[in-house]
Amino acid sequence: MTCIHAVTYIPWKMFLRNDSSQGGTTMKTSLALAITGFALLTASVAAAQPRQPASSPADRRHQSVAQPRAAIEAVLKSYEQALNASDVEGVVQLYTDDAVVLAPNAPSAVGIGAVRATYTGIFQAIDIDLTFKVAEVKVVSPNWAFLRSTSNGSITVLANGAHLPSSNQELFVLHQVHGRWKLARYSFSSILPSA
């Protein structure tokens, strides 16, 4: 971006001389010419300034979705880190108070207390090592969004040390609470062939 700065010295004294022989008309004419010249100079400098392009509705929509998308993807990354660290409190802090976890072959965990109990039980039974990949983020309102993802890695059964592959598809519903995106609903299922 180029910026043009014009510094112009205008010898105002030459325009303000008083020629009494012409009854002051020279001074008035000179002053009018000086004001006109100054206005033209100002207009030409303003016209030479680069203009910011007006943003289109598509640009504004992209900007309004890009910020929540990054924040939503950061929630998934935090979830991945807490899950892989078997960090119950790290996982629970990412959920809303009225969260629901819908795990396969298990009753729904409804409310933050049930979510905490579910993850406590999971982490007592298995060690998880998963990497999540975002497939889709849809911001449906200023406070609600959907995130669809896949995860791949392994789990280790703590009781016997068995190491098993894990590959899943997930659907998260996120709700923005006090300016922070949190998990409100979470459902997943394995995409591995049944044994």
N, C-alpha and C. Protein backbone atom coordinates (compact mmCIF):
# COMPACT_ATOMS: atom_id res chain seq x y z
N MET A 1 0.84 -1.15 0.00
CA MET A 1 0.00 0.00 0.00
C MET A 1 0.90 1.23 0.00
N THR A 2 0.65 2.14 -0.92
CA THR A 2 1.43 3.35 -1.04
C THR A 2 0.66 4.48 -0.39
N CYS A 3 1.37 5.28 0.34
CA CYS A 3 0.74 6.43 0.98
C CYS A 3 1.42 7.68 0.47
N ILE A 4 0.67 8.65 0.00
CA ILE A 4 1.23 9.88 -0.55
C ILE A 4 1.01 10.98 0.47
N HIS A 5 2.08 11.64 0.83
CA HIS A 5 1.99 12.78 1.73
C HIS A 5 2.44 14.00 0.94
N ALA A 6 1.60 15.02 0.87
CA ALA A 6 1.95 16.25 0.15
C ALA A 6 2.20 17.35 1.17
N VAL A 7 3.36 17.92 1.06
CA VAL A 7 3.68 19.07 1.89
C VAL A 7 3.86 20.23 0.93
N THR A 8 3.02 21.20 1.06
CA THR A 8 3.07 22.32 0.14
C THR A 8 3.17 23.60 0.95
N TYR A 9 4.09 24.46 0.52
CA TYR A 9 4.23 25.76 1.16
C TYR A 9 3.49 26.77 0.29
N ILE A 10 2.54 27.45 0.88
CA ILE A 10 1.79 28.47 0.16
C ILE A 10 2.20 29.82 0.73
N PRO A 11 2.77 30.69 -0.10
CA PRO A 11 3.20 32.01 0.38
C PRO A 11 2.00 32.93 0.54
N TRP A 12 1.34 32.78 1.68
CA TRP A 12 0.11 33.52 1.94
C TRP A 12 0.30 35.04 1.87
N LYS A 13 1.49 35.53 2.16
CA LYS A 13 1.72 36.99 2.16
C LYS A 13 1.47 37.58 0.78
N MET A 14 1.79 36.85 -0.28
CA MET A 14 1.59 37.41 -1.61
C MET A 14 0.12 37.58 -1.95
N PHE A 15 -0.73 36.79 -1.28
CA PHE A 15 -2.15 36.89 -1.54
C PHE A 15 -2.83 37.93 -0.65
N LEU A 16 -2.16 38.30 0.39
CA LEU A 16 -2.76 39.20 1.35
C LEU A 16 -2.26 40.63 1.25
N ARG A 17 -1.55 40.96 0.18
CA ARG A 17 -1.08 42.34 0.06
C ARG A 17 -2.27 43.27 -0.18
N ASN A 18 -2.13 44.41 0.28
CA ASN A 18 -3.21 45.37 0.15
C ASN A 18 -2.82 46.42 -0.86
N ASP A 19 -3.39 46.33 -2.00
CA ASP A 19 -3.14 47.34 -3.03
C ASP A 19 -4.27 48.35 -2.97
N SER A 20 -4.02 49.45 -2.25
CA SER A 20 -5.06 50.44 -2.01
C SER A 20 -5.49 51.16 -3.27
N SER A 21 -4.65 51.12 -4.31
CA SER A 21 -5.02 51.83 -5.53
C SER A 21 -6.19 51.17 -6.24
N GLN A 22 -6.41 49.89 -6.01
CA GLN A 22 -7.52 49.22 -6.68
C GLN A 22 -8.66 48.95 -5.72
N GLY A 23 -8.68 49.62 -4.60
CA GLY A 23 -9.79 49.54 -3.66
C GLY A 23 -9.94 48.19 -3.00
N GLY A 24 -8.87 47.40 -2.87
CA GLY A 24 -8.93 46.13 -2.16
C GLY A 24 -9.42 44.98 -3.00
N THR A 25 -9.73 45.23 -4.27
CA THR A 25 -10.22 44.12 -5.09
C THR A 25 -9.13 43.13 -5.43
N THR A 26 -7.88 43.57 -5.51
CA THR A 26 -6.78 42.66 -5.77
C THR A 26 -6.63 41.68 -4.62
N MET A 27 -6.76 42.18 -3.40
CA MET A 27 -6.64 41.30 -2.25
C MET A 27 -7.78 40.28 -2.23
N LYS A 28 -8.99 40.72 -2.53
CA LYS A 28 -10.14 39.80 -2.54
C LYS A 28 -9.99 38.76 -3.63
N THR A 29 -9.56 39.18 -4.79
CA THR A 29 -9.37 38.26 -5.91
C THR A 29 -8.26 37.27 -5.58
N SER A 30 -7.19 37.77 -5.04
CA SER A 30 -6.06 36.91 -4.69
C SER A 30 -6.45 35.90 -3.61
N LEU A 31 -7.22 36.37 -2.64
CA LEU A 31 -7.66 35.47 -1.57
C LEU A 31 -8.58 34.38 -2.13
N ALA A 32 -9.48 34.75 -3.01
CA ALA A 32 -10.38 33.78 -3.62
C ALA A 32 -9.58 32.75 -4.43
N LEU A 33 -8.58 33.22 -5.17
CA LEU A 33 -7.74 32.31 -5.95
C LEU A 33 -6.94 31.38 -5.03
N ALA A 34 -6.47 31.90 -3.92
CA ALA A 34 -5.71 31.07 -2.97
C ALA A 34 -6.59 30.00 -2.36
N ILE A 35 -7.79 30.37 -1.96
CA ILE A 35 -8.71 29.38 -1.37
C ILE A 35 -9.07 28.32 -2.39
N THR A 36 -9.32 28.73 -3.63
CA THR A 36 -9.64 27.77 -4.69
C THR A 36 -8.46 26.84 -4.95
N GLY A 37 -7.27 27.41 -5.01
CA GLY A 37 -6.07 26.58 -5.21
C GLY A 37 -5.85 25.59 -4.09
N PHE A 38 -6.07 26.06 -2.86
CA PHE A 38 -5.91 25.17 -1.70
C PHE A 38 -6.94 24.04 -1.74
N ALA A 39 -8.18 24.36 -2.11
CA ALA A 39 -9.23 23.33 -2.20
C ALA A 39 -8.88 22.30 -3.26
N LEU A 40 -8.38 22.76 -4.41
CA LEU A 40 -7.98 21.82 -5.46
C LEU A 40 -6.82 20.94 -5.02
N LEU A 41 -5.86 21.53 -4.33
CA LEU A 41 -4.73 20.77 -3.83
C LEU A 41 -5.19 19.69 -2.84
N THR A 42 -6.07 20.06 -1.93
CA THR A 42 -6.59 19.11 -0.93
C THR A 42 -7.35 17.98 -1.62
N ALA A 43 -8.17 18.34 -2.61
CA ALA A 43 -8.94 17.32 -3.32
C ALA A 43 -8.04 16.36 -4.08
N SER A 44 -6.97 16.89 -4.70
CA SER A 44 -6.09 16.00 -5.46
C SER A 44 -5.30 15.07 -4.54
N VAL A 45 -4.89 15.55 -3.36
CA VAL A 45 -4.19 14.69 -2.40
C VAL A 45 -5.14 13.60 -1.89
N ALA A 46 -6.38 13.98 -1.59
CA ALA A 46 -7.35 12.99 -1.10
C ALA A 46 -7.64 11.94 -2.16
N ALA A 47 -7.73 12.36 -3.42
CA ALA A 47 -8.01 11.42 -4.50
C ALA A 47 -6.85 10.45 -4.71
N ALA A 48 -5.64 10.88 -4.40
CA ALA A 48 -4.46 10.03 -4.59
C ALA A 48 -4.30 8.99 -3.49
N GLN A 49 -5.01 9.15 -2.37
CA GLN A 49 -4.90 8.18 -1.27
C GLN A 49 -5.51 6.85 -1.67
N PRO A 50 -4.84 5.73 -1.35
CA PRO A 50 -5.42 4.42 -1.68
C PRO A 50 -6.68 4.19 -0.86
N ARG A 51 -7.65 3.58 -1.47
CA ARG A 51 -8.92 3.31 -0.79
C ARG A 51 -8.99 1.85 -0.39
N GLN A 52 -9.60 1.62 0.77
CA GLN A 52 -9.83 0.26 1.22
C GLN A 52 -11.00 -0.30 0.41
N PRO A 53 -10.85 -1.49 -0.15
CA PRO A 53 -11.97 -2.04 -0.90
C PRO A 53 -13.14 -2.31 0.04
N ALA A 54 -14.31 -2.04 -0.45
CA ALA A 54 -15.51 -2.32 0.36
C ALA A 54 -15.67 -3.83 0.46
N SER A 55 -15.96 -4.31 1.65
CA SER A 55 -16.11 -5.75 1.80
C SER A 55 -17.50 -6.16 1.33
N SER A 56 -17.52 -7.25 0.63
CA SER A 56 -18.78 -7.76 0.10
C SER A 56 -19.48 -8.57 1.19
N PRO A 57 -20.77 -8.83 1.01
CA PRO A 57 -21.47 -9.68 1.98
C PRO A 57 -20.80 -11.06 2.12
N ALA A 58 -20.25 -11.59 1.02
CA ALA A 58 -19.56 -12.89 1.09
C ALA A 58 -18.31 -12.79 1.96
N ASP A 59 -17.55 -11.67 1.83
CA ASP A 59 -16.37 -11.48 2.67
C ASP A 59 -16.75 -11.40 4.14
N ARG A 60 -17.81 -10.64 4.44
CA ARG A 60 -18.24 -10.50 5.84
C ARG A 60 -18.71 -11.84 6.39
N ARG A 61 -19.42 -12.64 5.57
CA ARG A 61 -19.86 -13.96 6.04
C ARG A 61 -18.65 -14.85 6.31
N HIS A 62 -17.64 -14.80 5.42
CA HIS A 62 -16.44 -15.61 5.61
C HIS A 62 -15.74 -15.22 6.91
N GLN A 63 -15.62 -13.89 7.17
CA GLN A 63 -14.98 -13.43 8.39
C GLN A 63 -15.78 -13.84 9.61
N SER A 64 -17.13 -13.77 9.51
CA SER A 64 -17.96 -14.10 10.67
C SER A 64 -17.95 -15.59 10.96
N VAL A 65 -17.62 -16.42 9.97
CA VAL A 65 -17.55 -17.87 10.18
C VAL A 65 -16.13 -18.29 10.54
N ALA A 66 -15.12 -17.60 10.03
CA ALA A 66 -13.73 -18.00 10.26
C ALA A 66 -13.35 -17.93 11.73
N GLN A 67 -13.77 -16.88 12.44
CA GLN A 67 -13.41 -16.76 13.85
C GLN A 67 -14.05 -17.86 14.69
N PRO A 68 -15.37 -18.09 14.57
CA PRO A 68 -15.93 -19.20 15.36
C PRO A 68 -15.34 -20.55 14.95
N ARG A 69 -15.08 -20.75 13.68
CA ARG A 69 -14.52 -22.03 13.22
C ARG A 69 -13.20 -22.31 13.91
N ALA A 70 -12.33 -21.33 13.98
CA ALA A 70 -11.03 -21.52 14.63
C ALA A 70 -11.22 -21.84 16.11
N ALA A 71 -12.13 -21.15 16.76
CA ALA A 71 -12.38 -21.40 18.19
C ALA A 71 -12.98 -22.79 18.40
N ILE A 72 -13.86 -23.20 17.51
CA ILE A 72 -14.49 -24.52 17.60
C ILE A 72 -13.45 -25.62 17.38
N GLU A 73 -12.59 -25.44 16.39
CA GLU A 73 -11.53 -26.42 16.15
C GLU A 73 -10.57 -26.49 17.33
N ALA A 74 -10.36 -25.37 18.01
CA ALA A 74 -9.50 -25.37 19.21
C ALA A 74 -10.14 -26.18 20.33
N VAL A 75 -11.46 -26.17 20.43
CA VAL A 75 -12.15 -27.00 21.44
C VAL A 75 -11.89 -28.48 21.14
N LEU A 76 -11.99 -28.87 19.87
CA LEU A 76 -11.73 -30.26 19.51
C LEU A 76 -10.29 -30.65 19.83
N LYS A 77 -9.34 -29.76 19.57
CA LYS A 77 -7.94 -30.03 19.87
C LYS A 77 -7.74 -30.20 21.38
N SER A 78 -8.38 -29.34 22.17
CA SER A 78 -8.30 -29.47 23.64
C SER A 78 -8.93 -30.77 24.10
N TYR A 79 -10.03 -31.17 23.45
CA TYR A 79 -10.68 -32.44 23.80
C TYR A 79 -9.73 -33.60 23.50
N GLU A 80 -9.11 -33.58 22.32
CA GLU A 80 -8.16 -34.63 21.95
C GLU A 80 -7.03 -34.74 22.99
N GLN A 81 -6.48 -33.60 23.39
CA GLN A 81 -5.37 -33.61 24.35
C GLN A 81 -5.80 -34.14 25.71
N ALA A 82 -6.96 -33.70 26.20
CA ALA A 82 -7.45 -34.15 27.51
C ALA A 82 -7.81 -35.63 27.47
N LEU A 83 -8.42 -36.07 26.37
CA LEU A 83 -8.80 -37.48 26.21
C LEU A 83 -7.55 -38.37 26.22
N ASN A 84 -6.55 -37.99 25.46
CA ASN A 84 -5.32 -38.78 25.38
C ASN A 84 -4.52 -38.75 26.68
N ALA A 85 -4.74 -37.75 27.52
CA ALA A 85 -4.05 -37.66 28.81
C ALA A 85 -4.86 -38.29 29.94
N SER A 86 -6.04 -38.84 29.60
CA SER A 86 -6.96 -39.40 30.62
C SER A 86 -7.27 -38.37 31.71
N ASP A 87 -7.47 -37.14 31.29
CA ASP A 87 -7.71 -36.00 32.18
C ASP A 87 -9.20 -35.72 32.29
N VAL A 88 -9.83 -36.29 33.33
CA VAL A 88 -11.28 -36.14 33.51
C VAL A 88 -11.67 -34.67 33.58
N GLU A 89 -11.02 -33.91 34.43
CA GLU A 89 -11.39 -32.50 34.59
C GLU A 89 -11.10 -31.70 33.33
N GLY A 90 -10.04 -32.04 32.62
CA GLY A 90 -9.74 -31.37 31.35
C GLY A 90 -10.83 -31.59 30.32
N VAL A 91 -11.39 -32.80 30.30
CA VAL A 91 -12.49 -33.11 29.38
C VAL A 91 -13.77 -32.41 29.85
N VAL A 92 -14.09 -32.54 31.13
CA VAL A 92 -15.35 -32.02 31.67
C VAL A 92 -15.47 -30.50 31.49
N GLN A 93 -14.36 -29.78 31.63
CA GLN A 93 -14.42 -28.32 31.49
C GLN A 93 -14.80 -27.88 30.08
N LEU A 94 -14.71 -28.78 29.11
CA LEU A 94 -15.06 -28.46 27.73
C LEU A 94 -16.55 -28.61 27.46
N TYR A 95 -17.29 -29.17 28.39
CA TYR A 95 -18.72 -29.43 28.23
C TYR A 95 -19.58 -28.37 28.92
N THR A 96 -20.78 -28.18 28.39
CA THR A 96 -21.78 -27.32 29.05
C THR A 96 -22.35 -28.07 30.24
N ASP A 97 -22.99 -27.35 31.16
CA ASP A 97 -23.57 -27.99 32.34
C ASP A 97 -24.69 -28.97 31.99
N ASP A 98 -25.38 -28.74 30.88
CA ASP A 98 -26.48 -29.62 30.48
C ASP A 98 -26.07 -30.58 29.36
N ALA A 99 -24.80 -30.86 29.26
CA ALA A 99 -24.27 -31.69 28.17
C ALA A 99 -24.86 -33.10 28.17
N VAL A 100 -24.84 -33.70 26.98
CA VAL A 100 -25.28 -35.08 26.80
C VAL A 100 -24.23 -35.81 25.96
N VAL A 101 -23.78 -36.96 26.45
CA VAL A 101 -22.86 -37.82 25.70
C VAL A 101 -23.63 -39.07 25.32
N LEU A 102 -23.64 -39.36 24.02
CA LEU A 102 -24.34 -40.53 23.49
C LEU A 102 -23.31 -41.51 22.96
N ALA A 103 -22.87 -42.40 23.81
CA ALA A 103 -21.87 -43.41 23.43
C ALA A 103 -22.60 -44.66 22.93
N PRO A 104 -22.00 -45.38 21.99
CA PRO A 104 -22.65 -46.59 21.50
C PRO A 104 -22.76 -47.65 22.60
N ASN A 105 -23.84 -48.37 22.57
CA ASN A 105 -24.09 -49.49 23.50
C ASN A 105 -24.05 -49.06 24.97
N ALA A 106 -24.46 -47.83 25.24
CA ALA A 106 -24.47 -47.32 26.61
C ALA A 106 -25.62 -46.33 26.75
N PRO A 107 -26.16 -46.20 27.97
CA PRO A 107 -27.19 -45.18 28.16
C PRO A 107 -26.59 -43.78 28.00
N SER A 108 -27.42 -42.83 27.65
CA SER A 108 -26.96 -41.45 27.50
C SER A 108 -26.51 -40.90 28.84
N ALA A 109 -25.42 -40.16 28.83
CA ALA A 109 -24.95 -39.45 30.03
C ALA A 109 -25.50 -38.03 29.93
N VAL A 110 -26.46 -37.70 30.79
CA VAL A 110 -27.16 -36.41 30.71
C VAL A 110 -26.77 -35.55 31.90
N GLY A 111 -26.22 -34.37 31.61
CA GLY A 111 -25.79 -33.44 32.66
C GLY A 111 -24.32 -33.61 32.96
N ILE A 112 -23.74 -32.56 33.49
CA ILE A 112 -22.29 -32.54 33.71
C ILE A 112 -21.83 -33.61 34.70
N GLY A 113 -22.64 -33.92 35.71
CA GLY A 113 -22.27 -34.97 36.67
C GLY A 113 -22.18 -36.34 36.00
N ALA A 114 -23.15 -36.64 35.14
CA ALA A 114 -23.14 -37.92 34.42
C ALA A 114 -21.99 -37.96 33.41
N VAL A 115 -21.69 -36.83 32.80
CA VAL A 115 -20.56 -36.76 31.86
C VAL A 115 -19.25 -37.04 32.61
N ARG A 116 -19.09 -36.43 33.77
CA ARG A 116 -17.89 -36.66 34.59
C ARG A 116 -17.78 -38.15 34.96
N ALA A 117 -18.88 -38.74 35.39
CA ALA A 117 -18.87 -40.17 35.77
C ALA A 117 -18.52 -41.05 34.57
N THR A 118 -19.04 -40.71 33.40
CA THR A 118 -18.75 -41.49 32.19
C THR A 118 -17.26 -41.48 31.87
N TYR A 119 -16.66 -40.31 31.87
CA TYR A 119 -15.23 -40.23 31.55
C TYR A 119 -14.36 -40.84 32.65
N THR A 120 -14.79 -40.73 33.88
CA THR A 120 -14.05 -41.38 34.97
C THR A 120 -14.01 -42.88 34.73
N GLY A 121 -15.16 -43.45 34.39
CA GLY A 121 -15.24 -44.89 34.09
C GLY A 121 -14.42 -45.27 32.87
N ILE A 122 -14.47 -44.47 31.83
CA ILE A 122 -13.70 -44.75 30.61
C ILE A 122 -12.21 -44.78 30.92
N PHE A 123 -11.73 -43.75 31.63
CA PHE A 123 -10.30 -43.64 31.90
C PHE A 123 -9.80 -44.69 32.89
N GLN A 124 -10.71 -45.26 33.70
CA GLN A 124 -10.32 -46.36 34.58
C GLN A 124 -10.21 -47.67 33.83
N ALA A 125 -10.86 -47.76 32.65
CA ALA A 125 -10.87 -49.00 31.88
C ALA A 125 -9.89 -49.01 30.72
N ILE A 126 -9.70 -47.88 30.06
CA ILE A 126 -8.85 -47.87 28.87
C ILE A 126 -7.96 -46.63 28.83
N ASP A 127 -6.86 -46.78 28.10
CA ASP A 127 -5.99 -45.66 27.79
C ASP A 127 -6.22 -45.35 26.32
N ILE A 128 -6.42 -44.08 25.99
CA ILE A 128 -6.80 -43.68 24.64
C ILE A 128 -5.65 -42.91 23.98
N ASP A 129 -5.43 -43.22 22.70
CA ASP A 129 -4.45 -42.49 21.90
C ASP A 129 -5.08 -42.25 20.53
N LEU A 130 -5.78 -41.13 20.39
CA LEU A 130 -6.51 -40.83 19.16
C LEU A 130 -6.08 -39.48 18.60
N THR A 131 -6.16 -39.39 17.28
CA THR A 131 -5.96 -38.12 16.59
C THR A 131 -7.25 -37.80 15.86
N PHE A 132 -7.78 -36.60 16.12
CA PHE A 132 -9.03 -36.18 15.50
C PHE A 132 -8.75 -35.35 14.25
N LYS A 133 -9.62 -35.49 13.27
CA LYS A 133 -9.53 -34.70 12.05
C LYS A 133 -10.92 -34.10 11.78
N VAL A 134 -10.96 -32.80 11.63
CA VAL A 134 -12.22 -32.11 11.37
C VAL A 134 -12.67 -32.42 9.94
N ALA A 135 -13.92 -32.86 9.81
CA ALA A 135 -14.50 -33.10 8.50
C ALA A 135 -15.39 -31.94 8.08
N GLU A 136 -16.03 -31.30 9.07
CA GLU A 136 -16.98 -30.23 8.75
C GLU A 136 -17.29 -29.42 10.00
N VAL A 137 -17.40 -28.13 9.82
CA VAL A 137 -17.88 -27.23 10.88
C VAL A 137 -18.99 -26.40 10.26
N LYS A 138 -20.14 -26.37 10.91
CA LYS A 138 -21.26 -25.54 10.46
C LYS A 138 -21.70 -24.67 11.63
N VAL A 139 -21.54 -23.38 11.48
CA VAL A 139 -22.03 -22.43 12.48
C VAL A 139 -23.45 -22.10 12.05
N VAL A 140 -24.43 -22.49 12.86
CA VAL A 140 -25.83 -22.33 12.47
C VAL A 140 -26.49 -21.10 13.09
N SER A 141 -25.86 -20.52 14.08
CA SER A 141 -26.34 -19.28 14.68
C SER A 141 -25.16 -18.68 15.46
N PRO A 142 -25.32 -17.50 16.01
CA PRO A 142 -24.19 -16.93 16.76
C PRO A 142 -23.75 -17.79 17.95
N ASN A 143 -24.63 -18.65 18.47
CA ASN A 143 -24.30 -19.43 19.66
C ASN A 143 -24.35 -20.94 19.48
N TRP A 144 -24.63 -21.43 18.29
CA TRP A 144 -24.72 -22.88 18.07
C TRP A 144 -23.96 -23.28 16.82
N ALA A 145 -23.30 -24.44 16.91
CA ALA A 145 -22.55 -24.96 15.77
C ALA A 145 -22.48 -26.49 15.85
N PHE A 146 -22.22 -27.09 14.70
CA PHE A 146 -22.02 -28.53 14.59
C PHE A 146 -20.59 -28.77 14.13
N LEU A 147 -19.97 -29.81 14.64
CA LEU A 147 -18.65 -30.22 14.19
C LEU A 147 -18.71 -31.71 13.92
N ARG A 148 -18.35 -32.10 12.71
CA ARG A 148 -18.27 -33.52 12.36
C ARG A 148 -16.81 -33.85 12.19
N SER A 149 -16.38 -34.97 12.77
CA SER A 149 -14.97 -35.33 12.72
C SER A 149 -14.79 -36.84 12.59
N THR A 150 -13.54 -37.21 12.39
CA THR A 150 -13.14 -38.62 12.45
C THR A 150 -11.97 -38.70 13.42
N SER A 151 -11.78 -39.87 13.99
CA SER A 151 -10.62 -40.07 14.86
C SER A 151 -10.03 -41.44 14.58
N ASN A 152 -8.71 -41.49 14.65
CA ASN A 152 -7.99 -42.74 14.41
C ASN A 152 -6.86 -42.87 15.42
N GLY A 153 -6.59 -44.10 15.80
CA GLY A 153 -5.51 -44.36 16.74
C GLY A 153 -5.71 -45.72 17.38
N SER A 154 -5.51 -45.74 18.69
CA SER A 154 -5.63 -47.02 19.39
C SER A 154 -6.10 -46.80 20.82
N ILE A 155 -6.57 -47.88 21.41
CA ILE A 155 -6.88 -47.90 22.84
C ILE A 155 -6.14 -49.08 23.46
N THR A 156 -5.82 -48.92 24.71
CA THR A 156 -5.19 -50.01 25.46
C THR A 156 -6.10 -50.35 26.62
N VAL A 157 -6.47 -51.63 26.69
CA VAL A 157 -7.32 -52.10 27.79
C VAL A 157 -6.42 -52.23 29.01
N LEU A 158 -6.74 -51.49 30.07
CA LEU A 158 -5.87 -51.45 31.24
C LEU A 158 -5.87 -52.76 32.02
N ALA A 159 -6.97 -53.50 31.98
CA ALA A 159 -7.06 -54.76 32.74
C ALA A 159 -6.09 -55.82 32.23
N ASN A 160 -5.87 -55.87 30.91
CA ASN A 160 -5.02 -56.94 30.37
C ASN A 160 -3.91 -56.43 29.44
N GLY A 161 -3.85 -55.13 29.18
CA GLY A 161 -2.81 -54.57 28.33
C GLY A 161 -3.05 -54.75 26.84
N ALA A 162 -4.23 -55.27 26.45
CA ALA A 162 -4.52 -55.46 25.03
C ALA A 162 -4.53 -54.12 24.31
N HIS A 163 -3.87 -54.11 23.18
CA HIS A 163 -3.75 -52.89 22.36
C HIS A 163 -4.64 -53.09 21.14
N LEU A 164 -5.66 -52.21 20.98
CA LEU A 164 -6.64 -52.38 19.92
C LEU A 164 -6.73 -51.14 19.04
N PRO A 165 -6.95 -51.33 17.73
CA PRO A 165 -7.13 -50.15 16.86
C PRO A 165 -8.46 -49.47 17.17
N SER A 166 -8.51 -48.19 16.93
CA SER A 166 -9.75 -47.43 17.13
C SER A 166 -9.90 -46.45 15.98
N SER A 167 -11.06 -46.46 15.38
CA SER A 167 -11.37 -45.54 14.28
C SER A 167 -12.85 -45.19 14.39
N ASN A 168 -13.14 -43.90 14.52
CA ASN A 168 -14.50 -43.47 14.82
C ASN A 168 -14.94 -42.31 13.95
N GLN A 169 -16.24 -42.09 13.94
CA GLN A 169 -16.82 -40.87 13.39
C GLN A 169 -17.57 -40.20 14.53
N GLU A 170 -17.50 -38.88 14.57
CA GLU A 170 -18.08 -38.15 15.69
C GLU A 170 -18.95 -37.00 15.20
N LEU A 171 -19.93 -36.66 16.01
CA LEU A 171 -20.74 -35.48 15.78
C LEU A 171 -20.83 -34.73 17.11
N PHE A 172 -20.38 -33.49 17.09
CA PHE A 172 -20.43 -32.61 18.26
C PHE A 172 -21.41 -31.48 17.97
N VAL A 173 -22.22 -31.14 18.94
CA VAL A 173 -23.02 -29.92 18.90
C VAL A 173 -22.41 -29.00 19.94
N LEU A 174 -22.02 -27.81 19.50
CA LEU A 174 -21.37 -26.86 20.41
C LEU A 174 -22.29 -25.68 20.68
N HIS A 175 -22.19 -25.18 21.89
CA HIS A 175 -22.97 -24.01 22.31
C HIS A 175 -21.99 -22.99 22.88
N GLN A 176 -22.16 -21.74 22.47
CA GLN A 176 -21.30 -20.69 23.00
C GLN A 176 -21.90 -20.18 24.30
N VAL A 177 -21.15 -20.33 25.39
CA VAL A 177 -21.59 -19.95 26.72
C VAL A 177 -20.60 -18.92 27.26
N HIS A 178 -21.08 -17.73 27.61
CA HIS A 178 -20.23 -16.66 28.14
C HIS A 178 -19.01 -16.42 27.24
N GLY A 179 -19.25 -16.43 25.92
CA GLY A 179 -18.18 -16.14 24.97
C GLY A 179 -17.25 -17.29 24.64
N ARG A 180 -17.50 -18.47 25.22
CA ARG A 180 -16.64 -19.65 24.95
C ARG A 180 -17.46 -20.77 24.33
N TRP A 181 -16.90 -21.39 23.30
CA TRP A 181 -17.56 -22.54 22.69
C TRP A 181 -17.34 -23.76 23.58
N LYS A 182 -18.44 -24.49 23.84
CA LYS A 182 -18.36 -25.69 24.67
C LYS A 182 -19.15 -26.81 24.01
N LEU A 183 -18.82 -28.03 24.39
CA LEU A 183 -19.52 -29.20 23.87
C LEU A 183 -20.86 -29.33 24.58
N ALA A 184 -21.94 -29.35 23.81
CA ALA A 184 -23.28 -29.50 24.39
C ALA A 184 -23.81 -30.92 24.18
N ARG A 185 -23.51 -31.50 23.04
CA ARG A 185 -23.92 -32.87 22.72
C ARG A 185 -22.77 -33.53 21.98
N TYR A 186 -22.60 -34.83 22.24
CA TYR A 186 -21.51 -35.57 21.59
C TYR A 186 -21.96 -36.99 21.36
N SER A 187 -21.82 -37.43 20.11
CA SER A 187 -22.16 -38.81 19.75
C SER A 187 -21.05 -39.34 18.85
N PHE A 188 -20.73 -40.62 19.01
CA PHE A 188 -19.71 -41.22 18.16
C PHE A 188 -20.05 -42.67 17.90
N SER A 189 -19.43 -43.20 16.86
CA SER A 189 -19.57 -44.63 16.56
C SER A 189 -18.31 -45.11 15.86
N SER A 190 -18.02 -46.37 16.03
CA SER A 190 -16.84 -46.97 15.41
C SER A 190 -17.10 -47.17 13.91
N ILE A 191 -16.06 -46.97 13.12
CA ILE A 191 -16.17 -47.25 11.69
C ILE A 191 -15.32 -48.46 11.30
N LEU A 192 -14.84 -49.18 12.33
CA LEU A 192 -14.11 -50.42 12.08
C LEU A 192 -15.11 -51.53 11.80
N PRO A 193 -14.76 -52.48 10.95
CA PRO A 193 -15.67 -53.61 10.72
C PRO A 193 -15.84 -54.40 12.03
N SER A 194 -17.05 -54.90 12.26
CA SER A 194 -17.30 -55.66 13.48
C SER A 194 -16.55 -56.99 13.43
N ALA A 195 -16.09 -57.42 14.60
CA ALA A 195 -15.28 -58.64 14.68
C ALA A 195 -16.07 -59.90 14.53
